[in-house]
Every structure is written in structure tokens, then in C-alpha cells.
């Protein structure tokens, strides 16, 4: 699992590479918990390098979103593959997240 972050115009742009699954979800959560501790107001997560996500990955994203909303932060997702986008649609999480 690799996550690269850069600041652009007040937005933390995070690029995730590799699968987001039961094995990598704790690492993803830990990374974004650190951003939440810093109270990053705007976070954009790019899934360009992600080919697979399971239910634990979805649950981790929901936790991240909930944490960010608790302090007024905004989270957006981009560059989802058709397969991962379909997962969000099937679970109706596309209504919860700004994609």
C-alpha cells in the first residue's frame, strides 16, 4: 500500500496505489486519521492506482468521512475504476460520498 500526499491550493490531494482490502485498510485508516488530527479541511483521494476494494475498504472510507465531517472537513473521491465505482453504486455509497 502506498499513499502519496501533496497540498494544492489548500487541498490535500492523496493518491492511493494498490488494493484497498482487509490487509491494507488499517494502514489507510491510520494515514487518514493523521490527516484528521491535523484537521485538514479539504481532502481529495485519487484511486487511480487502485484495482480492487473490498467491504473493509468501504468501511474504512465511511469512517474517514465520518471523522472529517465531525470537524467540518470535506472529502472527495476521484479516479475510481468502473469496477470500484460500481461497488459504490451497488452499496448506494455513491449517495454518501462526493465522487
Protein backbone atom coordinates (compact mmCIF):
# COMPACT_ATOMS: atom_id res chain seq x y z
CA UNK A 1 0.00 0.00 0.00
CA UNK A 2 1.31 3.39 -0.96
CA UNK A 3 -0.28 6.80 -0.34
CA UNK A 4 1.31 9.99 -1.63
CA UNK A 5 0.01 13.35 -0.50
CA UNK A 6 0.62 16.85 -1.79
CA UNK A 7 -1.03 20.15 -0.96
CA UNK A 8 -2.58 22.06 -3.85
CA UNK A 9 -4.47 25.30 -3.25
CA UNK A 10 -5.45 24.28 0.29
CA UNK A 11 -6.48 20.76 -0.71
CA UNK A 12 -4.68 17.64 0.50
CA UNK A 13 -4.52 15.52 -2.66
CA UNK A 14 -3.89 11.89 -1.70
CA UNK A 15 -3.02 9.32 -4.35
CA UNK A 16 -3.64 5.73 -3.28
CA UNK A 17 -1.86 2.87 -5.03
CA UNK A 18 -2.52 -0.87 -4.65
CA UNK A 19 -5.59 -2.67 -3.39
CA UNK A 20 -7.67 -1.37 -0.50
CA UNK A 21 -8.72 -4.53 1.29
CA UNK A 22 -8.77 -6.20 4.69
CA UNK A 23 -4.97 -6.26 4.77
CA UNK A 24 -4.36 -2.64 3.83
CA UNK A 25 -7.42 -0.95 5.38
CA UNK A 26 -5.79 -0.46 8.82
CA UNK A 27 -2.86 1.32 7.15
CA UNK A 28 -5.24 3.52 5.13
CA UNK A 29 -7.22 4.39 8.27
CA UNK A 30 -4.06 5.22 10.20
CA UNK A 31 -2.87 7.53 7.42
CA UNK A 32 -6.14 9.43 7.19
CA UNK A 33 -6.56 9.56 10.97
CA UNK A 34 -3.31 11.53 10.99
CA UNK A 35 -4.76 13.98 8.44
CA UNK A 36 -7.87 14.26 10.62
CA UNK A 37 -5.69 15.04 13.66
CA UNK A 38 -4.25 17.89 11.61
CA UNK A 39 -7.86 18.89 10.83
CA UNK A 40 -7.30 19.06 7.10
CA UNK A 41 -10.36 20.89 5.79
CA UNK A 42 -10.32 19.56 2.23
CA UNK A 43 -9.11 16.12 1.19
CA UNK A 44 -9.26 14.62 -2.29
CA UNK A 45 -8.49 10.91 -2.58
CA UNK A 46 -7.46 9.67 -6.02
CA UNK A 47 -7.96 5.95 -6.61
CA UNK A 48 -6.16 5.95 -9.95
CA UNK A 49 -3.76 3.22 -8.78
CA UNK A 50 -6.41 1.03 -7.12
CA UNK A 51 -7.78 -2.00 -8.96
CA UNK A 52 -9.59 -3.73 -6.09
CA UNK A 53 -11.51 -2.69 -2.99
CA UNK A 54 -13.44 -4.90 -0.59
CA UNK A 55 -16.02 -4.20 2.11
CA UNK A 56 -13.36 -3.38 4.70
CA UNK A 57 -12.01 -0.72 2.34
CA UNK A 58 -15.50 0.76 2.00
CA UNK A 59 -15.98 0.68 5.78
CA UNK A 60 -12.66 2.47 6.26
CA UNK A 61 -13.71 5.21 3.85
CA UNK A 62 -17.02 5.64 5.69
CA UNK A 63 -15.09 6.01 8.97
CA UNK A 64 -12.77 8.58 7.40
CA UNK A 65 -15.73 10.55 6.04
CA UNK A 66 -17.49 10.46 9.42
CA UNK A 67 -14.36 11.69 11.21
CA UNK A 68 -13.83 14.52 8.74
CA UNK A 69 -17.44 15.64 8.91
CA UNK A 70 -17.21 15.78 12.71
CA UNK A 71 -14.89 18.80 12.45
CA UNK A 72 -16.36 20.27 9.25
CA UNK A 73 -13.90 18.74 6.80
CA UNK A 74 -14.78 17.87 3.20
CA UNK A 75 -13.81 14.61 1.48
CA UNK A 76 -14.00 13.94 -2.24
CA UNK A 77 -13.09 10.82 -4.21
CA UNK A 78 -11.86 10.71 -7.81
CA UNK A 79 -10.39 8.44 -10.48
CA UNK A 80 -12.38 5.37 -9.46
CA UNK A 81 -12.26 2.50 -11.92
CA UNK A 82 -15.58 1.33 -13.35
CA UNK A 83 -15.39 -1.74 -11.11
CA UNK A 84 -14.88 0.27 -7.92
CA UNK A 85 -17.43 2.89 -8.99
CA UNK A 86 -19.91 0.03 -9.45
CA UNK A 87 -19.18 -1.13 -5.90
CA UNK A 88 -20.12 2.32 -4.59
CA UNK A 89 -23.31 2.28 -6.67
CA UNK A 90 -24.38 -1.23 -5.59
CA UNK A 91 -23.90 -0.31 -1.92
CA UNK A 92 -25.53 3.10 -2.51
CA UNK A 93 -22.44 4.77 -1.03
CA UNK A 94 -22.29 6.93 -4.13
CA UNK A 95 -25.06 8.92 -2.44
CA UNK A 96 -22.97 9.44 0.68
CA UNK A 97 -19.66 10.35 -0.95
CA UNK A 98 -18.84 13.20 -3.27
CA UNK A 99 -17.35 11.34 -6.24
